[in-house]
Amino acid sequence: MRDGINIARLGVPAIALVTEEFWAQGEFIARSLGMEDVPRVRLPHPVAGTGKANLRKVAEQIAPAVFEALAAQRPADGDGTANV
């Protein structure tokens, strides 16, 4: 969550990938840092250590949400900066 927020503060489109186990904690961190609107995509928990096949399955499931969140961050004024 903090990485996504730090990247977003630089004006770079960012999406925080947060597992279900840490979703509430991610929301708390976003609120406490004043970045409630940083896009987040929920992943199943656990992801790490579950094998390549499962990682591929999770990636395929969440890819549409990641692309959608990135598309929503496209610059509105065409100056090359992201509206995060």
C-alpha atoms as a PDB file:
ATOM      1  CA  MET A   1       0.000   0.000   0.000  1.00  0.00           C
ATOM      2  CA  ARG A   2       2.724   2.459   0.946  1.00  0.00           C
ATOM      3  CA  ASP A   3       4.609   1.772  -2.279  1.00  0.00           C
ATOM      4  CA  GLY A   4       1.503   2.518  -4.332  1.00  0.00           C
ATOM      5  CA  ILE A   5       0.942   5.742  -2.417  1.00  0.00           C
ATOM      6  CA  ASN A   6       4.569   6.842  -2.763  1.00  0.00           C
ATOM      7  CA  ILE A   7       4.516   6.186  -6.499  1.00  0.00           C
ATOM      8  CA  ALA A   8       1.172   7.981  -6.912  1.00  0.00           C
ATOM      9  CA  ARG A   9       2.550  11.009  -5.077  1.00  0.00           C
ATOM     10  CA  LEU A  10       5.229  11.215  -7.770  1.00  0.00           C
ATOM     11  CA  GLY A  11       2.486  11.555 -10.377  1.00  0.00           C
ATOM     12  CA  VAL A  12       3.002   8.057 -11.747  1.00  0.00           C
ATOM     13  CA  PRO A  13      -0.125   5.959 -12.285  1.00  0.00           C
ATOM     14  CA  ALA A  14      -0.171   3.389  -9.499  1.00  0.00           C
ATOM     15  CA  ILE A  15      -2.313   0.547  -8.293  1.00  0.00           C
ATOM     16  CA  ALA A  16      -1.804  -1.143  -4.949  1.00  0.00           C
ATOM     17  CA  LEU A  17      -2.169  -4.918  -5.067  1.00  0.00           C
ATOM     18  CA  VAL A  18      -3.454  -5.955  -1.647  1.00  0.00           C
ATOM     19  CA  THR A  19      -4.392  -9.430  -0.489  1.00  0.00           C
ATOM     20  CA  GLU A  20      -7.699 -10.053   1.278  1.00  0.00           C
ATOM     21  CA  GLU A  21      -5.901 -10.619   4.572  1.00  0.00           C
ATOM     22  CA  PHE A  22      -4.479  -7.083   4.525  1.00  0.00           C
ATOM     23  CA  TRP A  23      -7.332  -5.204   2.818  1.00  0.00           C
ATOM     24  CA  ALA A  24      -8.542  -3.426   5.978  1.00  0.00           C
ATOM     25  CA  GLN A  25      -4.977  -2.516   6.908  1.00  0.00           C
ATOM     26  CA  GLY A  26      -4.453  -1.100   3.409  1.00  0.00           C
ATOM     27  CA  GLU A  27      -7.548   1.055   3.737  1.00  0.00           C
ATOM     28  CA  PHE A  28      -6.336   2.314   7.117  1.00  0.00           C
ATOM     29  CA  ILE A  29      -2.919   3.206   5.705  1.00  0.00           C
ATOM     30  CA  ALA A  30      -4.447   4.988   2.709  1.00  0.00           C
ATOM     31  CA  ARG A  31      -6.734   7.024   4.990  1.00  0.00           C
ATOM     32  CA  SER A  32      -3.989   7.832   7.464  1.00  0.00           C
ATOM     33  CA  LEU A  33      -1.735   9.109   4.668  1.00  0.00           C
ATOM     34  CA  GLY A  34      -4.520  11.131   3.045  1.00  0.00           C
ATOM     35  CA  MET A  35      -4.543   8.987  -0.104  1.00  0.00           C
ATOM     36  CA  GLU A  36      -7.936   7.267   0.131  1.00  0.00           C
ATOM     37  CA  ASP A  37      -8.348   7.384  -3.638  1.00  0.00           C
ATOM     38  CA  VAL A  38      -5.261   5.379  -4.576  1.00  0.00           C
ATOM     39  CA  PRO A  39      -6.647   2.505  -6.643  1.00  0.00           C
ATOM     40  CA  ARG A  40      -6.452  -0.921  -5.062  1.00  0.00           C
ATOM     41  CA  VAL A  41      -6.993  -4.383  -6.471  1.00  0.00           C
ATOM     42  CA  ARG A  42      -7.850  -7.196  -4.080  1.00  0.00           C
ATOM     43  CA  LEU A  43      -5.933 -10.456  -4.407  1.00  0.00           C
ATOM     44  CA  PRO A  44      -6.635 -13.750  -2.703  1.00  0.00           C
ATOM     45  CA  HIS A  45      -4.504 -14.602   0.296  1.00  0.00           C
ATOM     46  CA  PRO A  46      -1.965 -16.050   0.250  1.00  0.00           C
ATOM     47  CA  VAL A  47      -0.366 -15.485  -3.128  1.00  0.00           C
ATOM     48  CA  ALA A  48       3.320 -15.869  -2.301  1.00  0.00           C
ATOM     49  CA  GLY A  49       4.558 -19.414  -2.228  1.00  0.00           C
ATOM     50  CA  THR A  50       1.512 -20.873  -3.962  1.00  0.00           C
ATOM     51  CA  GLY A  51       3.331 -21.898  -7.144  1.00  0.00           C
ATOM     52  CA  LYS A  52       3.659 -20.601 -10.680  1.00  0.00           C
ATOM     53  CA  ALA A  53       0.352 -22.060 -11.835  1.00  0.00           C
ATOM     54  CA  ASN A  54      -1.560 -20.272  -9.091  1.00  0.00           C
ATOM     55  CA  LEU A  55       0.313 -17.011  -9.686  1.00  0.00           C
ATOM     56  CA  ARG A  56      -0.644 -17.190 -13.366  1.00  0.00           C
ATOM     57  CA  LYS A  57      -4.277 -17.877 -12.425  1.00  0.00           C
ATOM     58  CA  VAL A  58      -4.369 -14.913 -10.016  1.00  0.00           C
ATOM     59  CA  ALA A  59      -2.686 -12.644 -12.583  1.00  0.00           C
ATOM     60  CA  GLU A  60      -5.228 -13.610 -15.231  1.00  0.00           C
ATOM     61  CA  GLN A  61      -8.084 -12.936 -12.819  1.00  0.00           C
ATOM     62  CA  ILE A  62      -6.908  -9.516 -11.672  1.00  0.00           C
ATOM     63  CA  ALA A  63      -5.447  -8.207 -14.966  1.00  0.00           C
ATOM     64  CA  PRO A  64      -8.748  -6.674 -16.144  1.00  0.00           C
ATOM     65  CA  ALA A  65      -9.109  -4.728 -12.868  1.00  0.00           C
ATOM     66  CA  VAL A  66      -5.504  -3.514 -13.097  1.00  0.00           C
ATOM     67  CA  PHE A  67      -5.948  -2.331 -16.691  1.00  0.00           C
ATOM     68  CA  GLU A  68      -9.231  -0.645 -15.804  1.00  0.00           C
ATOM     69  CA  ALA A  69      -7.630   1.201 -12.878  1.00  0.00           C
ATOM     70  CA  LEU A  70      -4.709   2.308 -15.065  1.00  0.00           C
ATOM     71  CA  ALA A  71      -7.030   3.512 -17.813  1.00  0.00           C
ATOM     72  CA  ALA A  72      -8.921   5.617 -15.272  1.00  0.00           C
ATOM     73  CA  GLN A  73      -5.657   7.405 -14.425  1.00  0.00           C
ATOM     74  CA  ARG A  74      -4.903   8.631 -17.945  1.00  0.00           C
ATOM     75  CA  PRO A  75      -4.114  12.333 -18.135  1.00  0.00           C
ATOM     76  CA  ALA A  76      -7.199  14.394 -18.854  1.00  0.00           C
ATOM     77  CA  ASP A  77      -5.345  17.433 -20.192  1.00  0.00           C
ATOM     78  CA  GLY A  78      -2.762  15.706 -22.391  1.00  0.00           C
ATOM     79  CA  ASP A  79       0.251  17.285 -20.661  1.00  0.00           C
ATOM     80  CA  GLY A  80       1.805  13.911 -19.833  1.00  0.00           C
ATOM     81  CA  THR A  81       1.040  13.999 -16.132  1.00  0.00           C
ATOM     82  CA  ALA A  82      -1.252  11.530 -14.464  1.00  0.00           C
ATOM     83  CA  ASN A  83      -4.362  12.544 -12.600  1.00  0.00           C
ATOM     84  CA  VAL A  84      -4.040  10.316  -9.564  1.00  0.00           C
END
